C-alpha cells in the first residue's frame, strides 16, 4: 500500500470508528459526567446534526462554535495539502482556537453550565 493511502486511513479510520461508537453506545462527555462542567466541545455533535436538518435555532442552542470547530479540525488535519506558508496556517489555527474558547466562555457566562 502506498504511504499516502496508509496515512489517509490512519487519520480517517479512527474518526469513522468514533462516529460509529457514538451511534452504537450512549456516550456522554466525560468532562461533563465527572466534573459537571461542559467542555468547549459539548453539544457540537447535536449542533452539527441540527445544522444538517436546517434547524438553525437548534444549532445555535447546542453550540454555535460547532461549524468553525469542525472546519478548524479539518484544516488542521489536512493543512499539509494547502500550499500556504506555515506561519499563515498557524495563525489560522490559533485564531480559530481563540474563537472557540471565546464562544465557550460566553456560553458558560450567559447560558450557564446546564447542557
C-alpha atoms as a PDB file:
ATOM      1  CA  UNK A   1       0.000   0.000   0.000  1.00  0.00           C
ATOM      2  CA  UNK A   2       1.248   3.472  -0.777  1.00  0.00           C
ATOM      3  CA  UNK A   3       2.368   5.654   2.086  1.00  0.00           C
ATOM      4  CA  UNK A   4      -0.246   8.339   1.340  1.00  0.00           C
ATOM      5  CA  UNK A   5      -3.069   5.774   1.433  1.00  0.00           C
ATOM      6  CA  UNK A   6      -1.808   4.431   4.772  1.00  0.00           C
ATOM      7  CA  UNK A   7      -1.637   7.966   6.139  1.00  0.00           C
ATOM      8  CA  UNK A   8      -5.154   8.711   4.896  1.00  0.00           C
ATOM      9  CA  UNK A   9      -6.507   5.561   6.561  1.00  0.00           C
ATOM     10  CA  UNK A  10      -4.624   6.240   9.815  1.00  0.00           C
ATOM     11  CA  UNK A  11      -6.225   9.672  10.027  1.00  0.00           C
ATOM     12  CA  UNK A  12      -9.758   8.901   8.874  1.00  0.00           C
ATOM     13  CA  UNK A  13     -10.490   5.409  10.226  1.00  0.00           C
ATOM     14  CA  UNK A  14     -10.324   6.477  13.909  1.00  0.00           C
ATOM     15  CA  UNK A  15     -12.749   9.305  13.146  1.00  0.00           C
ATOM     16  CA  UNK A  16     -15.168   6.917  11.469  1.00  0.00           C
ATOM     17  CA  UNK A  17     -14.816   4.484  14.385  1.00  0.00           C
ATOM     18  CA  UNK A  18     -15.593   7.276  16.848  1.00  0.00           C
ATOM     19  CA  UNK A  19     -18.698   8.246  14.872  1.00  0.00           C
ATOM     20  CA  UNK A  20     -19.890   4.634  14.808  1.00  0.00           C
ATOM     21  CA  UNK A  21     -19.284   4.280  18.554  1.00  0.00           C
ATOM     22  CA  UNK A  22     -21.269   7.446  19.150  1.00  0.00           C
ATOM     23  CA  UNK A  23     -24.270   5.949  17.383  1.00  0.00           C
ATOM     24  CA  UNK A  24     -23.933   2.482  18.925  1.00  0.00           C
ATOM     25  CA  UNK A  25     -23.223   3.434  22.544  1.00  0.00           C
ATOM     26  CA  UNK A  26     -24.882   6.089  24.704  1.00  0.00           C
ATOM     27  CA  UNK A  27     -21.655   8.014  25.365  1.00  0.00           C
ATOM     28  CA  UNK A  28     -21.709  11.266  27.294  1.00  0.00           C
ATOM     29  CA  UNK A  29     -18.918  13.778  27.634  1.00  0.00           C
ATOM     30  CA  UNK A  30     -16.531  12.507  30.350  1.00  0.00           C
ATOM     31  CA  UNK A  31     -15.726  16.045  31.497  1.00  0.00           C
ATOM     32  CA  UNK A  32     -19.421  16.836  31.913  1.00  0.00           C
ATOM     33  CA  UNK A  33     -20.050  13.492  33.616  1.00  0.00           C
ATOM     34  CA  UNK A  34     -17.252  13.732  36.170  1.00  0.00           C
ATOM     35  CA  UNK A  35     -16.747  17.489  36.653  1.00  0.00           C
ATOM     36  CA  UNK A  36     -20.335  18.678  35.990  1.00  0.00           C
ATOM     37  CA  UNK A  37     -18.978  21.434  33.739  1.00  0.00           C
ATOM     38  CA  UNK A  38     -19.317  21.199  29.947  1.00  0.00           C
ATOM     39  CA  UNK A  39     -16.194  21.151  27.849  1.00  0.00           C
ATOM     40  CA  UNK A  40     -15.806  23.533  24.869  1.00  0.00           C
ATOM     41  CA  UNK A  41     -16.966  20.780  22.509  1.00  0.00           C
ATOM     42  CA  UNK A  42     -20.096  19.773  24.437  1.00  0.00           C
ATOM     43  CA  UNK A  43     -23.127  19.886  22.183  1.00  0.00           C
ATOM     44  CA  UNK A  44     -21.167  20.057  18.941  1.00  0.00           C
ATOM     45  CA  UNK A  45     -22.457  16.757  17.583  1.00  0.00           C
ATOM     46  CA  UNK A  46     -26.055  17.733  18.280  1.00  0.00           C
ATOM     47  CA  UNK A  47     -25.380  21.181  16.819  1.00  0.00           C
ATOM     48  CA  UNK A  48     -23.987  19.755  13.586  1.00  0.00           C
ATOM     49  CA  UNK A  49     -26.910  17.322  13.277  1.00  0.00           C
ATOM     50  CA  UNK A  50     -29.287  20.255  13.812  1.00  0.00           C
ATOM     51  CA  UNK A  51     -27.478  22.163  11.090  1.00  0.00           C
ATOM     52  CA  UNK A  52     -27.821  19.192   8.724  1.00  0.00           C
ATOM     53  CA  UNK A  53     -31.582  19.290   9.371  1.00  0.00           C
ATOM     54  CA  UNK A  54     -31.518  23.075   8.708  1.00  0.00           C
ATOM     55  CA  UNK A  55     -32.582  23.702  12.312  1.00  0.00           C
ATOM     56  CA  UNK A  56     -30.572  26.888  12.867  1.00  0.00           C
ATOM     57  CA  UNK A  57     -32.140  27.627  16.266  1.00  0.00           C
ATOM     58  CA  UNK A  58     -31.130  24.176  17.488  1.00  0.00           C
ATOM     59  CA  UNK A  59     -27.630  24.664  16.108  1.00  0.00           C
ATOM     60  CA  UNK A  60     -27.222  27.943  17.987  1.00  0.00           C
ATOM     61  CA  UNK A  61     -28.714  26.431  21.136  1.00  0.00           C
ATOM     62  CA  UNK A  62     -26.421  23.405  21.284  1.00  0.00           C
ATOM     63  CA  UNK A  63     -23.093  25.011  20.351  1.00  0.00           C
ATOM     64  CA  UNK A  64     -22.610  27.877  17.882  1.00  0.00           C
ATOM     65  CA  UNK A  65     -18.887  27.094  17.631  1.00  0.00           C
ATOM     66  CA  UNK A  66     -19.511  23.648  16.109  1.00  0.00           C
ATOM     67  CA  UNK A  67     -19.101  24.626  12.475  1.00  0.00           C
ATOM     68  CA  UNK A  68     -15.956  26.742  12.987  1.00  0.00           C
ATOM     69  CA  UNK A  69     -14.514  23.959  15.164  1.00  0.00           C
ATOM     70  CA  UNK A  70     -15.245  21.288  12.553  1.00  0.00           C
ATOM     71  CA  UNK A  71     -13.653  23.470   9.866  1.00  0.00           C
ATOM     72  CA  UNK A  72     -10.675  24.072  12.155  1.00  0.00           C
ATOM     73  CA  UNK A  73     -10.178  20.341  12.733  1.00  0.00           C
ATOM     74  CA  UNK A  74     -10.416  19.599   9.009  1.00  0.00           C
ATOM     75  CA  UNK A  75      -7.968  22.400   8.269  1.00  0.00           C
ATOM     76  CA  UNK A  76      -5.569  21.165  10.934  1.00  0.00           C
ATOM     77  CA  UNK A  77      -5.663  17.577   9.701  1.00  0.00           C
ATOM     78  CA  UNK A  78      -5.249  18.499   6.037  1.00  0.00           C
ATOM     79  CA  UNK A  79      -3.032  21.588   6.413  1.00  0.00           C
ATOM     80  CA  UNK A  80      -0.133  19.858   4.685  1.00  0.00           C
ATOM     81  CA  UNK A  81      -2.167  19.758   1.472  1.00  0.00           C
ATOM     82  CA  UNK A  82      -2.549  23.542   1.352  1.00  0.00           C
ATOM     83  CA  UNK A  83       0.449  25.327  -0.197  1.00  0.00           C
ATOM     84  CA  UNK A  84       0.493  28.252   2.238  1.00  0.00           C
ATOM     85  CA  UNK A  85       3.352  29.311   4.473  1.00  0.00           C
ATOM     86  CA  UNK A  86       3.451  27.576   7.857  1.00  0.00           C
ATOM     87  CA  UNK A  87       3.059  30.891   9.657  1.00  0.00           C
ATOM     88  CA  UNK A  88      -0.267  31.597   7.902  1.00  0.00           C
ATOM     89  CA  UNK A  89      -1.569  28.110   8.729  1.00  0.00           C
ATOM     90  CA  UNK A  90      -0.536  28.509  12.372  1.00  0.00           C
ATOM     91  CA  UNK A  91      -2.265  31.897  12.587  1.00  0.00           C
ATOM     92  CA  UNK A  92      -5.478  30.406  11.200  1.00  0.00           C
ATOM     93  CA  UNK A  93      -5.361  27.588  13.766  1.00  0.00           C
ATOM     94  CA  UNK A  94      -4.628  29.994  16.625  1.00  0.00           C
ATOM     95  CA  UNK A  95      -7.351  32.432  15.559  1.00  0.00           C
ATOM     96  CA  UNK A  96      -9.885  29.604  15.215  1.00  0.00           C
ATOM     97  CA  UNK A  97      -8.973  28.219  18.636  1.00  0.00           C
ATOM     98  CA  UNK A  98      -9.382  31.659  20.219  1.00  0.00           C
ATOM     99  CA  UNK A  99     -12.845  31.971  18.651  1.00  0.00           C
ATOM    100  CA  UNK A 100     -13.906  28.571  20.028  1.00  0.00           C
ATOM    101  CA  UNK A 101     -12.628  29.475  23.510  1.00  0.00           C
ATOM    102  CA  UNK A 102     -14.415  32.852  23.449  1.00  0.00           C
ATOM    103  CA  UNK A 103     -17.694  31.191  22.431  1.00  0.00           C
ATOM    104  CA  UNK A 104     -17.177  28.640  25.235  1.00  0.00           C
ATOM    105  CA  UNK A 105     -16.674  31.373  27.841  1.00  0.00           C
ATOM    106  CA  UNK A 106     -19.714  33.291  26.584  1.00  0.00           C
ATOM    107  CA  UNK A 107     -21.829  30.130  26.703  1.00  0.00           C
ATOM    108  CA  UNK A 108     -20.758  29.462  30.283  1.00  0.00           C
ATOM    109  CA  UNK A 109     -21.499  33.031  31.270  1.00  0.00           C
ATOM    110  CA  UNK A 110     -24.817  33.596  29.524  1.00  0.00           C
ATOM    111  CA  UNK A 111     -26.312  30.116  29.212  1.00  0.00           C
ATOM    112  CA  UNK A 112     -24.929  28.577  32.382  1.00  0.00           C
ATOM    113  CA  UNK A 113     -23.431  25.154  32.721  1.00  0.00           C
ATOM    114  CA  UNK A 114     -26.564  23.123  32.003  1.00  0.00           C
ATOM    115  CA  UNK A 115     -26.227  21.335  28.671  1.00  0.00           C
END
